[in-house]
């Protein structure tokens, strides 16, 4: 659960949580841990979890991870964990700020900016 906690903490340093923030995940042990529950209380977000065996509950993230694997991870043979982390970080930045969604014609950042 350390990776999840550190990632959420880093994200919340970059952008503060708004009232009513819901963080949706699967039922992995890192999301049911005491540390994660404590973090949700401290940072004022509401945890939400998919039903067991039902990826459609979180279809946006399932789609993202499928795209990440197809467009990025399946094309590279990684030499070490640092390289993997760097490639994923760069892809997430590309995905959020540059990659146009075929269905709506916008990047995730543009959609989020419009919602504010």
PDB file of N, CA and C in Angstrom:
ATOM      1  N   UNK A   1       0.816  -1.209   0.000  1.00  0.00           N
ATOM      2  CA  UNK A   1       0.000   0.000   0.000  1.00  0.00           C
ATOM      3  C   UNK A   1       0.853   1.265   0.000  1.00  0.00           C
ATOM      4  N   UNK A   2       2.153   1.126   0.224  1.00  0.00           N
ATOM      5  CA  UNK A   2       3.030   2.301   0.261  1.00  0.00           C
ATOM      6  C   UNK A   2       3.017   3.058  -1.062  1.00  0.00           C
ATOM      7  N   UNK A   3       3.081   2.340  -2.181  1.00  0.00           N
ATOM      8  CA  UNK A   3       3.070   2.995  -3.486  1.00  0.00           C
ATOM      9  C   UNK A   3       1.781   3.786  -3.682  1.00  0.00           C
ATOM     10  N   UNK A   4       0.652   3.207  -3.322  1.00  0.00           N
ATOM     11  CA  UNK A   4      -0.641   3.885  -3.463  1.00  0.00           C
ATOM     12  C   UNK A   4      -0.688   5.128  -2.583  1.00  0.00           C
ATOM     13  N   UNK A   5      -0.289   4.995  -1.331  1.00  0.00           N
ATOM     14  CA  UNK A   5      -0.305   6.122  -0.389  1.00  0.00           C
ATOM     15  C   UNK A   5       0.602   7.238  -0.894  1.00  0.00           C
ATOM     16  N   UNK A   6       1.823   6.883  -1.310  1.00  0.00           N
ATOM     17  CA  UNK A   6       2.768   7.889  -1.801  1.00  0.00           C
ATOM     18  C   UNK A   6       2.252   8.581  -3.058  1.00  0.00           C
ATOM     19  N   UNK A   7       1.638   7.822  -3.957  1.00  0.00           N
ATOM     20  CA  UNK A   7       1.116   8.391  -5.202  1.00  0.00           C
ATOM     21  C   UNK A   7      -0.020   9.366  -4.931  1.00  0.00           C
ATOM     22  N   UNK A   8      -0.940   8.993  -4.068  1.00  0.00           N
ATOM     23  CA  UNK A   8      -2.062   9.880  -3.739  1.00  0.00           C
ATOM     24  C   UNK A   8      -1.553  11.124  -3.021  1.00  0.00           C
ATOM     25  N   UNK A   9      -0.630  10.942  -2.091  1.00  0.00           N
ATOM     26  CA  UNK A   9      -0.065  12.078  -1.362  1.00  0.00           C
ATOM     27  C   UNK A   9       0.611  13.047  -2.324  1.00  0.00           C
ATOM     28  N   UNK A  10       1.376  12.521  -3.274  1.00  0.00           N
ATOM     29  CA  UNK A  10       2.045  13.364  -4.267  1.00  0.00           C
ATOM     30  C   UNK A  10       1.020  14.095  -5.138  1.00  0.00           C
ATOM     31  N   UNK A  11      -0.007  13.401  -5.565  1.00  0.00           N
ATOM     32  CA  UNK A  11      -1.041  14.028  -6.397  1.00  0.00           C
ATOM     33  C   UNK A  11      -1.748  15.149  -5.646  1.00  0.00           C
ATOM     34  N   UNK A  12      -2.012  14.939  -4.363  1.00  0.00           N
ATOM     35  CA  UNK A  12      -2.708  15.957  -3.575  1.00  0.00           C
ATOM     36  C   UNK A  12      -1.814  17.149  -3.253  1.00  0.00           C
ATOM     37  N   UNK A  13      -0.505  16.985  -3.346  1.00  0.00           N
ATOM     38  CA  UNK A  13       0.405  18.126  -3.200  1.00  0.00           C
ATOM     39  C   UNK A  13       0.342  19.000  -4.443  1.00  0.00           C
ATOM     40  N   UNK A  14       0.146  18.358  -5.587  1.00  0.00           N
ATOM     41  CA  UNK A  14       0.085  19.088  -6.849  1.00  0.00           C
ATOM     42  C   UNK A  14      -1.249  19.799  -7.026  1.00  0.00           C
ATOM     43  N   UNK A  15      -2.300  19.168  -6.558  1.00  0.00           N
ATOM     44  CA  UNK A  15      -3.624  19.778  -6.682  1.00  0.00           C
ATOM     45  C   UNK A  15      -4.471  19.353  -5.496  1.00  0.00           C
ATOM     46  N   UNK A  16      -4.999  20.326  -4.788  1.00  0.00           N
ATOM     47  CA  UNK A  16      -5.777  20.053  -3.581  1.00  0.00           C
ATOM     48  C   UNK A  16      -7.097  19.371  -3.934  1.00  0.00           C
ATOM     49  N   UNK A  17      -7.544  18.524  -3.048  1.00  0.00           N
ATOM     50  CA  UNK A  17      -8.819  17.833  -3.227  1.00  0.00           C
ATOM     51  C   UNK A  17      -9.968  18.818  -3.067  1.00  0.00           C
ATOM     52  N   UNK A  18     -10.972  18.659  -3.880  1.00  0.00           N
ATOM     53  CA  UNK A  18     -12.164  19.489  -3.764  1.00  0.00           C
ATOM     54  C   UNK A  18     -13.186  18.768  -2.895  1.00  0.00           C
ATOM     55  N   UNK A  19     -14.137  19.522  -2.383  1.00  0.00           N
ATOM     56  CA  UNK A  19     -15.194  18.907  -1.579  1.00  0.00           C
ATOM     57  C   UNK A  19     -15.899  17.835  -2.396  1.00  0.00           C
ATOM     58  N   UNK A  20     -16.170  16.735  -1.766  1.00  0.00           N
ATOM     59  CA  UNK A  20     -16.892  15.662  -2.432  1.00  0.00           C
ATOM     60  C   UNK A  20     -16.028  14.776  -3.310  1.00  0.00           C
ATOM     61  N   UNK A  21     -14.692  14.902  -3.204  1.00  0.00           N
ATOM     62  CA  UNK A  21     -13.809  14.076  -4.026  1.00  0.00           C
ATOM     63  C   UNK A  21     -14.013  12.600  -3.699  1.00  0.00           C
ATOM     64  N   UNK A  22     -14.210  11.802  -4.739  1.00  0.00           N
ATOM     65  CA  UNK A  22     -14.354  10.357  -4.606  1.00  0.00           C
ATOM     66  C   UNK A  22     -13.181   9.722  -5.341  1.00  0.00           C
ATOM     67  N   UNK A  23     -12.495   8.819  -4.677  1.00  0.00           N
ATOM     68  CA  UNK A  23     -11.386   8.104  -5.297  1.00  0.00           C
ATOM     69  C   UNK A  23     -11.818   6.655  -5.484  1.00  0.00           C
ATOM     70  N   UNK A  24     -12.010   6.281  -6.755  1.00  0.00           N
ATOM     71  CA  UNK A  24     -12.549   4.959  -7.070  1.00  0.00           C
ATOM     72  C   UNK A  24     -11.411   3.987  -7.365  1.00  0.00           C
ATOM     73  N   UNK A  25     -11.543   2.770  -6.882  1.00  0.00           N
ATOM     74  CA  UNK A  25     -10.518   1.750  -7.088  1.00  0.00           C
ATOM     75  C   UNK A  25     -11.175   0.375  -7.138  1.00  0.00           C
ATOM     76  N   UNK A  26     -10.331  -0.624  -7.333  1.00  0.00           N
ATOM     77  CA  UNK A  26     -10.815  -1.990  -7.185  1.00  0.00           C
ATOM     78  C   UNK A  26     -10.702  -2.370  -5.708  1.00  0.00           C
ATOM     79  N   UNK A  27     -10.902  -3.635  -5.396  1.00  0.00           N
ATOM     80  CA  UNK A  27     -10.871  -4.062  -3.996  1.00  0.00           C
ATOM     81  C   UNK A  27      -9.515  -4.638  -3.592  1.00  0.00           C
ATOM     82  N   UNK A  28      -8.458  -4.171  -4.225  1.00  0.00           N
ATOM     83  CA  UNK A  28      -7.120  -4.639  -3.879  1.00  0.00           C
ATOM     84  C   UNK A  28      -6.775  -4.329  -2.431  1.00  0.00           C
ATOM     85  N   UNK A  29      -5.889  -5.128  -1.867  1.00  0.00           N
ATOM     86  CA  UNK A  29      -5.551  -4.982  -0.446  1.00  0.00           C
ATOM     87  C   UNK A  29      -4.977  -3.618  -0.118  1.00  0.00           C
ATOM     88  N   UNK A  30      -4.317  -2.979  -1.087  1.00  0.00           N
ATOM     89  CA  UNK A  30      -3.767  -1.655  -0.818  1.00  0.00           C
ATOM     90  C   UNK A  30      -4.866  -0.619  -0.593  1.00  0.00           C
ATOM     91  N   UNK A  31      -6.058  -0.865  -1.151  1.00  0.00           N
ATOM     92  CA  UNK A  31      -7.175   0.079  -1.003  1.00  0.00           C
ATOM     93  C   UNK A  31      -8.077  -0.251   0.182  1.00  0.00           C
ATOM     94  N   UNK A  32      -7.858  -1.397   0.790  1.00  0.00           N
ATOM     95  CA  UNK A  32      -8.643  -1.764   1.972  1.00  0.00           C
ATOM     96  C   UNK A  32      -7.797  -1.699   3.242  1.00  0.00           C
ATOM     97  N   UNK A  33      -6.552  -1.280   3.099  1.00  0.00           N
ATOM     98  CA  UNK A  33      -5.638  -1.228   4.246  1.00  0.00           C
ATOM     99  C   UNK A  33      -6.015  -0.103   5.210  1.00  0.00           C
ATOM    100  N   UNK A  34      -5.573  -0.252   6.434  1.00  0.00           N
ATOM    101  CA  UNK A  34      -5.789   0.785   7.435  1.00  0.00           C
ATOM    102  C   UNK A  34      -5.117   2.086   7.048  1.00  0.00           C
ATOM    103  N   UNK A  35      -3.921   2.001   6.453  1.00  0.00           N
ATOM    104  CA  UNK A  35      -3.196   3.209   6.041  1.00  0.00           C
ATOM    105  C   UNK A  35      -3.983   3.986   4.992  1.00  0.00           C
ATOM    106  N   UNK A  36      -4.606   3.279   4.057  1.00  0.00           N
ATOM    107  CA  UNK A  36      -5.400   3.936   3.018  1.00  0.00           C
ATOM    108  C   UNK A  36      -6.644   4.587   3.623  1.00  0.00           C
ATOM    109  N   UNK A  37      -7.301   3.880   4.526  1.00  0.00           N
ATOM    110  CA  UNK A  37      -8.482   4.445   5.191  1.00  0.00           C
ATOM    111  C   UNK A  37      -8.107   5.690   5.986  1.00  0.00           C
ATOM    112  N   UNK A  38      -6.973   5.649   6.681  1.00  0.00           N
ATOM    113  CA  UNK A  38      -6.507   6.820   7.427  1.00  0.00           C
ATOM    114  C   UNK A  38      -6.219   7.989   6.490  1.00  0.00           C
ATOM    115  N   UNK A  39      -5.578   7.699   5.358  1.00  0.00           N
ATOM    116  CA  UNK A  39      -5.277   8.749   4.391  1.00  0.00           C
ATOM    117  C   UNK A  39      -6.555   9.391   3.865  1.00  0.00           C
ATOM    118  N   UNK A  40      -7.566   8.582   3.588  1.00  0.00           N
ATOM    119  CA  UNK A  40      -8.825   9.134   3.069  1.00  0.00           C
ATOM    120  C   UNK A  40      -9.456  10.086   4.078  1.00  0.00           C
ATOM    121  N   UNK A  41      -9.349   9.768   5.352  1.00  0.00           N
ATOM    122  CA  UNK A  41      -9.886  10.658   6.386  1.00  0.00           C
ATOM    123  C   UNK A  41      -9.055  11.929   6.500  1.00  0.00           C
ATOM    124  N   UNK A  42      -7.737  11.789   6.513  1.00  0.00           N
ATOM    125  CA  UNK A  42      -6.844  12.944   6.642  1.00  0.00           C
ATOM    126  C   UNK A  42      -6.963  13.896   5.457  1.00  0.00           C
ATOM    127  N   UNK A  43      -7.124  13.348   4.263  1.00  0.00           N
ATOM    128  CA  UNK A  43      -7.123  14.155   3.038  1.00  0.00           C
ATOM    129  C   UNK A  43      -8.527  14.461   2.528  1.00  0.00           C
ATOM    130  N   UNK A  44      -9.520  14.012   3.245  1.00  0.00           N
ATOM    131  CA  UNK A  44     -10.921  14.338   2.950  1.00  0.00           C
ATOM    132  C   UNK A  44     -11.379  13.879   1.568  1.00  0.00           C
ATOM    133  N   UNK A  45     -11.083  12.629   1.238  1.00  0.00           N
ATOM    134  CA  UNK A  45     -11.688  12.052   0.046  1.00  0.00           C
ATOM    135  C   UNK A  45     -12.455  10.804   0.460  1.00  0.00           C
ATOM    136  N   UNK A  46     -13.439  10.459  -0.358  1.00  0.00           N
ATOM    137  CA  UNK A  46     -14.276   9.301  -0.052  1.00  0.00           C
ATOM    138  C   UNK A  46     -13.841   8.132  -0.922  1.00  0.00           C
ATOM    139  N   UNK A  47     -13.415   7.030  -0.293  1.00  0.00           N
ATOM    140  CA  UNK A  47     -13.059   5.860  -1.088  1.00  0.00           C
ATOM    141  C   UNK A  47     -14.307   5.201  -1.685  1.00  0.00           C
ATOM    142  N   UNK A  48     -14.173   4.693  -2.884  1.00  0.00           N
ATOM    143  CA  UNK A  48     -15.239   3.969  -3.563  1.00  0.00           C
ATOM    144  C   UNK A  48     -14.586   2.766  -4.232  1.00  0.00           C
ATOM    145  N   UNK A  49     -15.248   1.635  -4.194  1.00  0.00           N
ATOM    146  CA  UNK A  49     -14.654   0.430  -4.778  1.00  0.00           C
ATOM    147  C   UNK A  49     -15.611  -0.259  -5.730  1.00  0.00           C
ATOM    148  N   UNK A  50     -15.024  -0.837  -6.775  1.00  0.00           N
ATOM    149  CA  UNK A  50     -15.788  -1.635  -7.724  1.00  0.00           C
ATOM    150  C   UNK A  50     -16.307  -2.887  -7.038  1.00  0.00           C
ATOM    151  N   UNK A  51     -17.393  -3.404  -7.561  1.00  0.00           N
ATOM    152  CA  UNK A  51     -17.872  -4.703  -7.101  1.00  0.00           C
ATOM    153  C   UNK A  51     -16.868  -5.761  -7.530  1.00  0.00           C
ATOM    154  N   UNK A  52     -16.710  -6.788  -6.741  1.00  0.00           N
ATOM    155  CA  UNK A  52     -15.751  -7.841  -7.047  1.00  0.00           C
ATOM    156  C   UNK A  52     -16.084  -8.473  -8.400  1.00  0.00           C
ATOM    157  N   UNK A  53     -15.075  -8.553  -9.254  1.00  0.00           N
ATOM    158  CA  UNK A  53     -15.240  -9.184 -10.556  1.00  0.00           C
ATOM    159  C   UNK A  53     -16.042  -8.379 -11.555  1.00  0.00           C
ATOM    160  N   UNK A  54     -16.191  -7.074 -11.317  1.00  0.00           N
ATOM    161  CA  UNK A  54     -16.994  -6.241 -12.217  1.00  0.00           C
ATOM    162  C   UNK A  54     -16.181  -5.028 -12.683  1.00  0.00           C
ATOM    163  N   UNK A  55     -15.335  -5.203 -13.690  1.00  0.00           N
ATOM    164  CA  UNK A  55     -14.500  -4.098 -14.149  1.00  0.00           C
ATOM    165  C   UNK A  55     -15.298  -2.936 -14.738  1.00  0.00           C
ATOM    166  N   UNK A  56     -16.547  -3.172 -15.094  1.00  0.00           N
ATOM    167  CA  UNK A  56     -17.362  -2.113 -15.685  1.00  0.00           C
ATOM    168  C   UNK A  56     -17.677  -1.009 -14.685  1.00  0.00           C
ATOM    169  N   UNK A  57     -17.565  -1.306 -13.381  1.00  0.00           N
ATOM    170  CA  UNK A  57     -17.780  -0.277 -12.360  1.00  0.00           C
ATOM    171  C   UNK A  57     -16.743   0.832 -12.467  1.00  0.00           C
ATOM    172  N   UNK A  58     -15.600   0.525 -13.026  1.00  0.00           N
ATOM    173  CA  UNK A  58     -14.517   1.495 -13.134  1.00  0.00           C
ATOM    174  C   UNK A  58     -13.980   1.492 -14.563  1.00  0.00           C
ATOM    175  N   UNK A  59     -14.884   1.587 -15.511  1.00  0.00           N
ATOM    176  CA  UNK A  59     -14.517   1.400 -16.914  1.00  0.00           C
ATOM    177  C   UNK A  59     -13.520   2.436 -17.417  1.00  0.00           C
ATOM    178  N   UNK A  60     -13.558   3.658 -16.901  1.00  0.00           N
ATOM    179  CA  UNK A  60     -12.608   4.677 -17.361  1.00  0.00           C
ATOM    180  C   UNK A  60     -11.171   4.260 -17.044  1.00  0.00           C
ATOM    181  N   UNK A  61     -10.937   3.768 -15.843  1.00  0.00           N
ATOM    182  CA  UNK A  61      -9.582   3.347 -15.476  1.00  0.00           C
ATOM    183  C   UNK A  61      -9.199   2.037 -16.154  1.00  0.00           C
ATOM    184  N   UNK A  62     -10.154   1.137 -16.296  1.00  0.00           N
ATOM    185  CA  UNK A  62      -9.863  -0.103 -17.016  1.00  0.00           C
ATOM    186  C   UNK A  62      -9.431   0.237 -18.444  1.00  0.00           C
ATOM    187  N   UNK A  63     -10.107   1.207 -19.059  1.00  0.00           N
ATOM    188  CA  UNK A  63      -9.757   1.647 -20.404  1.00  0.00           C
ATOM    189  C   UNK A  63      -8.358   2.264 -20.421  1.00  0.00           C
ATOM    190  N   UNK A  64      -8.068   3.120 -19.427  1.00  0.00           N
ATOM    191  CA  UNK A  64      -6.745   3.743 -19.365  1.00  0.00           C
ATOM    192  C   UNK A  64      -5.645   2.687 -19.286  1.00  0.00           C
ATOM    193  N   UNK A  65      -5.795   1.720 -18.385  1.00  0.00           N
ATOM    194  CA  UNK A  65      -4.744   0.716 -18.233  1.00  0.00           C
ATOM    195  C   UNK A  65      -4.605  -0.148 -19.483  1.00  0.00           C
ATOM    196  N   UNK A  66      -5.708  -0.429 -20.161  1.00  0.00           N
ATOM    197  CA  UNK A  66      -5.626  -1.151 -21.427  1.00  0.00           C
ATOM    198  C   UNK A  66      -4.865  -0.352 -22.471  1.00  0.00           C
ATOM    199  N   UNK A  67      -5.137   0.958 -22.524  1.00  0.00           N
ATOM    200  CA  UNK A  67      -4.446   1.842 -23.457  1.00  0.00           C
ATOM    201  C   UNK A  67      -2.967   1.945 -23.104  1.00  0.00           C
ATOM    202  N   UNK A  68      -2.660   2.097 -21.819  1.00  0.00           N
ATOM    203  CA  UNK A  68      -1.265   2.156 -21.360  1.00  0.00           C
ATOM    204  C   UNK A  68      -0.503   0.909 -21.801  1.00  0.00           C
ATOM    205  N   UNK A  69      -1.099  -0.251 -21.610  1.00  0.00           N
ATOM    206  CA  UNK A  69      -0.430  -1.495 -22.000  1.00  0.00           C
ATOM    207  C   UNK A  69      -0.237  -1.569 -23.511  1.00  0.00           C
ATOM    208  N   UNK A  70      -1.286  -1.234 -24.256  1.00  0.00           N
ATOM    209  CA  UNK A  70      -1.247  -1.349 -25.715  1.00  0.00           C
ATOM    210  C   UNK A  70      -0.295  -0.335 -26.353  1.00  0.00           C
ATOM    211  N   UNK A  71      -0.395   0.923 -25.942  1.00  0.00           N
ATOM    212  CA  UNK A  71       0.378   1.988 -26.575  1.00  0.00           C
ATOM    213  C   UNK A  71       1.791   2.130 -26.023  1.00  0.00           C
ATOM    214  N   UNK A  72       2.032   1.578 -24.854  1.00  0.00           N
ATOM    215  CA  UNK A  72       3.307   1.858 -24.204  1.00  0.00           C
ATOM    216  C   UNK A  72       4.013   0.607 -23.686  1.00  0.00           C
ATOM    217  N   UNK A  73       3.457  -0.032 -22.700  1.00  0.00           N
ATOM    218  CA  UNK A  73       4.176  -1.083 -21.979  1.00  0.00           C
ATOM    219  C   UNK A  73       4.489  -2.310 -22.813  1.00  0.00           C
ATOM    220  N   UNK A  74       3.590  -2.688 -23.709  1.00  0.00           N
ATOM    221  CA  UNK A  74       3.808  -3.891 -24.512  1.00  0.00           C
ATOM    222  C   UNK A  74       4.842  -3.685 -25.614  1.00  0.00           C
ATOM    223  N   UNK A  75       5.306  -2.460 -25.797  1.00  0.00           N
ATOM    224  CA  UNK A  75       6.242  -2.151 -26.876  1.00  0.00           C
ATOM    225  C   UNK A  75       7.691  -2.038 -26.406  1.00  0.00           C
ATOM    226  N   UNK A  76       7.905  -2.099 -25.105  1.00  0.00           N
ATOM    227  CA  UNK A  76       9.238  -1.846 -24.553  1.00  0.00           C
ATOM    228  C   UNK A  76       9.666  -3.008 -23.666  1.00  0.00           C
ATOM    229  N   UNK A  77      10.917  -3.379 -23.770  1.00  0.00           N
ATOM    230  CA  UNK A  77      11.493  -4.342 -22.832  1.00  0.00           C
ATOM    231  C   UNK A  77      12.293  -3.533 -21.811  1.00  0.00           C
ATOM    232  N   UNK A  78      11.856  -3.545 -20.577  1.00  0.00           N
ATOM    233  CA  UNK A  78      12.450  -2.702 -19.543  1.00  0.00           C
ATOM    234  C   UNK A  78      13.669  -3.369 -18.928  1.00  0.00           C
ATOM    235  N   UNK A  79      14.681  -2.549 -18.653  1.00  0.00           N
ATOM    236  CA  UNK A  79      15.918  -3.059 -18.067  1.00  0.00           C
ATOM    237  C   UNK A  79      15.898  -3.014 -16.546  1.00  0.00           C
ATOM    238  N   UNK A  80      15.116  -2.086 -15.971  1.00  0.00           N
ATOM    239  CA  UNK A  80      15.035  -2.001 -14.510  1.00  0.00           C
ATOM    240  C   UNK A  80      13.769  -1.243 -14.103  1.00  0.00           C
ATOM    241  N   UNK A  81      13.505  -1.240 -12.819  1.00  0.00           N
ATOM    242  CA  UNK A  81      12.294  -0.617 -12.288  1.00  0.00           C
ATOM    243  C   UNK A  81      12.296   0.894 -12.508  1.00  0.00           C
ATOM    244  N   UNK A  82      13.445   1.523 -12.407  1.00  0.00           N
ATOM    245  CA  UNK A  82      13.528   2.975 -12.611  1.00  0.00           C
ATOM    246  C   UNK A  82      13.096   3.343 -14.028  1.00  0.00           C
ATOM    247  N   UNK A  83      13.511   2.555 -15.006  1.00  0.00           N
ATOM    248  CA  UNK A  83      13.112   2.815 -16.387  1.00  0.00           C
ATOM    249  C   UNK A  83      11.604   2.648 -16.539  1.00  0.00           C
ATOM    250  N   UNK A  84      11.055   1.591 -15.957  1.00  0.00           N
ATOM    251  CA  UNK A  84       9.611   1.360 -16.011  1.00  0.00           C
ATOM    252  C   UNK A  84       8.852   2.534 -15.403  1.00  0.00           C
ATOM    253  N   UNK A  85       9.264   2.971 -14.215  1.00  0.00           N
ATOM    254  CA  UNK A  85       8.598   4.096 -13.553  1.00  0.00           C
ATOM    255  C   UNK A  85       8.671   5.356 -14.406  1.00  0.00           C
ATOM    256  N   UNK A  86       9.826   5.619 -15.006  1.00  0.00           N
ATOM    257  CA  UNK A  86       9.998   6.804 -15.842  1.00  0.00           C
ATOM    258  C   UNK A  86       9.100   6.752 -17.075  1.00  0.00           C
ATOM    259  N   UNK A  87       9.054   5.611 -17.717  1.00  0.00           N
ATOM    260  CA  UNK A  87       8.220   5.459 -18.920  1.00  0.00           C
ATOM    261  C   UNK A  87       6.744   5.639 -18.569  1.00  0.00           C
ATOM    262  N   UNK A  88       6.312   5.059 -17.457  1.00  0.00           N
ATOM    263  CA  UNK A  88       4.911   5.217 -17.048  1.00  0.00           C
ATOM    264  C   UNK A  88       4.617   6.673 -16.730  1.00  0.00           C
ATOM    265  N   UNK A  89       5.504   7.344 -16.001  1.00  0.00           N
ATOM    266  CA  UNK A  89       5.301   8.764 -15.662  1.00  0.00           C
ATOM    267  C   UNK A  89       5.166   9.602 -16.936  1.00  0.00           C
ATOM    268  N   UNK A  90       6.071   9.392 -17.885  1.00  0.00           N
ATOM    269  CA  UNK A  90       6.020  10.148 -19.135  1.00  0.00           C
ATOM    270  C   UNK A  90       4.736   9.857 -19.907  1.00  0.00           C
ATOM    271  N   UNK A  91       4.310   8.601 -19.921  1.00  0.00           N
ATOM    272  CA  UNK A  91       3.087   8.259 -20.639  1.00  0.00           C
ATOM    273  C   UNK A  91       1.864   8.896 -19.980  1.00  0.00           C
ATOM    274  N   UNK A  92       1.808   8.886 -18.653  1.00  0.00           N
ATOM    275  CA  UNK A  92       0.676   9.503 -17.949  1.00  0.00           C
ATOM    276  C   UNK A  92       0.613  10.993 -18.273  1.00  0.00           C
ATOM    277  N   UNK A  93       1.756  11.666 -18.315  1.00  0.00           N
ATOM    278  CA  UNK A  93       1.773  13.085 -18.675  1.00  0.00           C
ATOM    279  C   UNK A  93       1.259  13.278 -20.105  1.00  0.00           C
ATOM    280  N   UNK A  94       1.749  12.456 -21.017  1.00  0.00           N
ATOM    281  CA  UNK A  94       1.284  12.508 -22.403  1.00  0.00           C
ATOM    282  C   UNK A  94      -0.220  12.259 -22.479  1.00  0.00           C
ATOM    283  N   UNK A  95      -0.676  11.218 -21.804  1.00  0.00           N
ATOM    284  CA  UNK A  95      -2.088  10.836 -21.840  1.00  0.00           C
ATOM    285  C   UNK A  95      -2.976  11.965 -21.316  1.00  0.00           C
ATOM    286  N   UNK A  96      -2.588  12.568 -20.208  1.00  0.00           N
ATOM    287  CA  UNK A  96      -3.422  13.596 -19.581  1.00  0.00           C
ATOM    288  C   UNK A  96      -3.402  14.933 -20.303  1.00  0.00           C
ATOM    289  N   UNK A  97      -2.256  15.297 -20.904  1.00  0.00           N
ATOM    290  CA  UNK A  97      -2.111  16.652 -21.434  1.00  0.00           C
ATOM    291  C   UNK A  97      -1.993  16.755 -22.946  1.00  0.00           C
ATOM    292  N   UNK A  98      -1.718  15.659 -23.642  1.00  0.00           N
ATOM    293  CA  UNK A  98      -1.514  15.736 -25.088  1.00  0.00           C
ATOM    294  C   UNK A  98      -2.399  14.793 -25.897  1.00  0.00           C
ATOM    295  N   UNK A  99      -2.636  13.611 -25.398  1.00  0.00           N
ATOM    296  CA  UNK A  99      -3.360  12.593 -26.169  1.00  0.00           C
ATOM    297  C   UNK A  99      -4.841  12.960 -26.268  1.00  0.00           C
ATOM    298  N   UNK A 100      -5.314  13.101 -27.478  1.00  0.00           N
ATOM    299  CA  UNK A 100      -6.712  13.460 -27.726  1.00  0.00           C
ATOM    300  C   UNK A 100      -7.576  12.203 -27.630  1.00  0.00           C
ATOM    301  N   UNK A 101      -8.652  12.288 -26.866  1.00  0.00           N
ATOM    302  CA  UNK A 101      -9.599  11.188 -26.748  1.00  0.00           C
ATOM    303  C   UNK A 101     -10.412  11.117 -28.033  1.00  0.00           C
ATOM    304  N   UNK A 102     -10.456   9.957 -28.637  1.00  0.00           N
ATOM    305  CA  UNK A 102     -11.153   9.794 -29.917  1.00  0.00           C
ATOM    306  C   UNK A 102     -12.657  10.043 -29.804  1.00  0.00           C
ATOM    307  N   UNK A 103     -13.244   9.777 -28.640  1.00  0.00           N
ATOM    308  CA  UNK A 103     -14.689   9.922 -28.484  1.00  0.00           C
ATOM    309  C   UNK A 103     -15.135  11.367 -28.321  1.00  0.00           C
ATOM    310  N   UNK A 104     -14.327  12.185 -27.612  1.00  0.00           N
ATOM    311  CA  UNK A 104     -14.790  13.550 -27.345  1.00  0.00           C
ATOM    312  C   UNK A 104     -13.897  14.636 -27.940  1.00  0.00           C
ATOM    313  N   UNK A 105     -12.749  14.275 -28.465  1.00  0.00           N
ATOM    314  CA  UNK A 105     -11.873  15.246 -29.107  1.00  0.00           C
ATOM    315  C   UNK A 105     -11.066  16.121 -28.157  1.00  0.00           C
ATOM    316  N   UNK A 106     -11.002  15.761 -26.886  1.00  0.00           N
ATOM    317  CA  UNK A 106     -10.281  16.556 -25.893  1.00  0.00           C
ATOM    318  C   UNK A 106      -9.318  15.679 -25.105  1.00  0.00           C
ATOM    319  N   UNK A 107      -8.343  16.330 -24.467  1.00  0.00           N
ATOM    320  CA  UNK A 107      -7.476  15.619 -23.528  1.00  0.00           C
ATOM    321  C   UNK A 107      -8.199  15.544 -22.185  1.00  0.00           C
ATOM    322  N   UNK A 108      -7.799  14.618 -21.308  1.00  0.00           N
ATOM    323  CA  UNK A 108      -8.395  14.593 -19.965  1.00  0.00           C
ATOM    324  C   UNK A 108      -8.231  15.928 -19.231  1.00  0.00           C
ATOM    325  N   UNK A 109      -7.082  16.588 -19.400  1.00  0.00           N
ATOM    326  CA  UNK A 109      -6.863  17.882 -18.756  1.00  0.00           C
ATOM    327  C   UNK A 109      -7.885  18.911 -19.235  1.00  0.00           C
ATOM    328  N   UNK A 110      -8.159  18.944 -20.532  1.00  0.00           N
ATOM    329  CA  UNK A 110      -9.136  19.898 -21.065  1.00  0.00           C
ATOM    330  C   UNK A 110     -10.528  19.629 -20.505  1.00  0.00           C
ATOM    331  N   UNK A 111     -10.905  18.377 -20.417  1.00  0.00           N
ATOM    332  CA  UNK A 111     -12.214  18.024 -19.856  1.00  0.00           C
ATOM    333  C   UNK A 111     -12.291  18.448 -18.398  1.00  0.00           C
ATOM    334  N   UNK A 112     -11.245  18.171 -17.649  1.00  0.00           N
ATOM    335  CA  UNK A 112     -11.230  18.527 -16.223  1.00  0.00           C
ATOM    336  C   UNK A 112     -11.265  20.041 -16.041  1.00  0.00           C
ATOM    337  N   UNK A 113     -10.546  20.770 -16.880  1.00  0.00           N
ATOM    338  CA  UNK A 113     -10.532  22.235 -16.789  1.00  0.00           C
ATOM    339  C   UNK A 113     -11.912  22.821 -17.052  1.00  0.00           C
ATOM    340  N   UNK A 114     -12.633  22.233 -17.977  1.00  0.00           N
ATOM    341  CA  UNK A 114     -13.986  22.709 -18.283  1.00  0.00           C
ATOM    342  C   UNK A 114     -14.950  22.440 -17.135  1.00  0.00           C
ATOM    343  N   UNK A 115     -14.691  21.385 -16.368  1.00  0.00           N
ATOM    344  CA  UNK A 115     -15.593  21.001 -15.276  1.00  0.00           C
ATOM    345  C   UNK A 115     -15.436  21.890 -14.052  1.00  0.00           C
ATOM    346  N   UNK A 116     -14.327  22.605 -13.950  1.00  0.00           N
ATOM    347  CA  UNK A 116     -14.076  23.438 -12.760  1.00  0.00           C
ATOM    348  C   UNK A 116     -14.954  24.655 -12.731  1.00  0.00           C
TER     349      UNK A 116
END
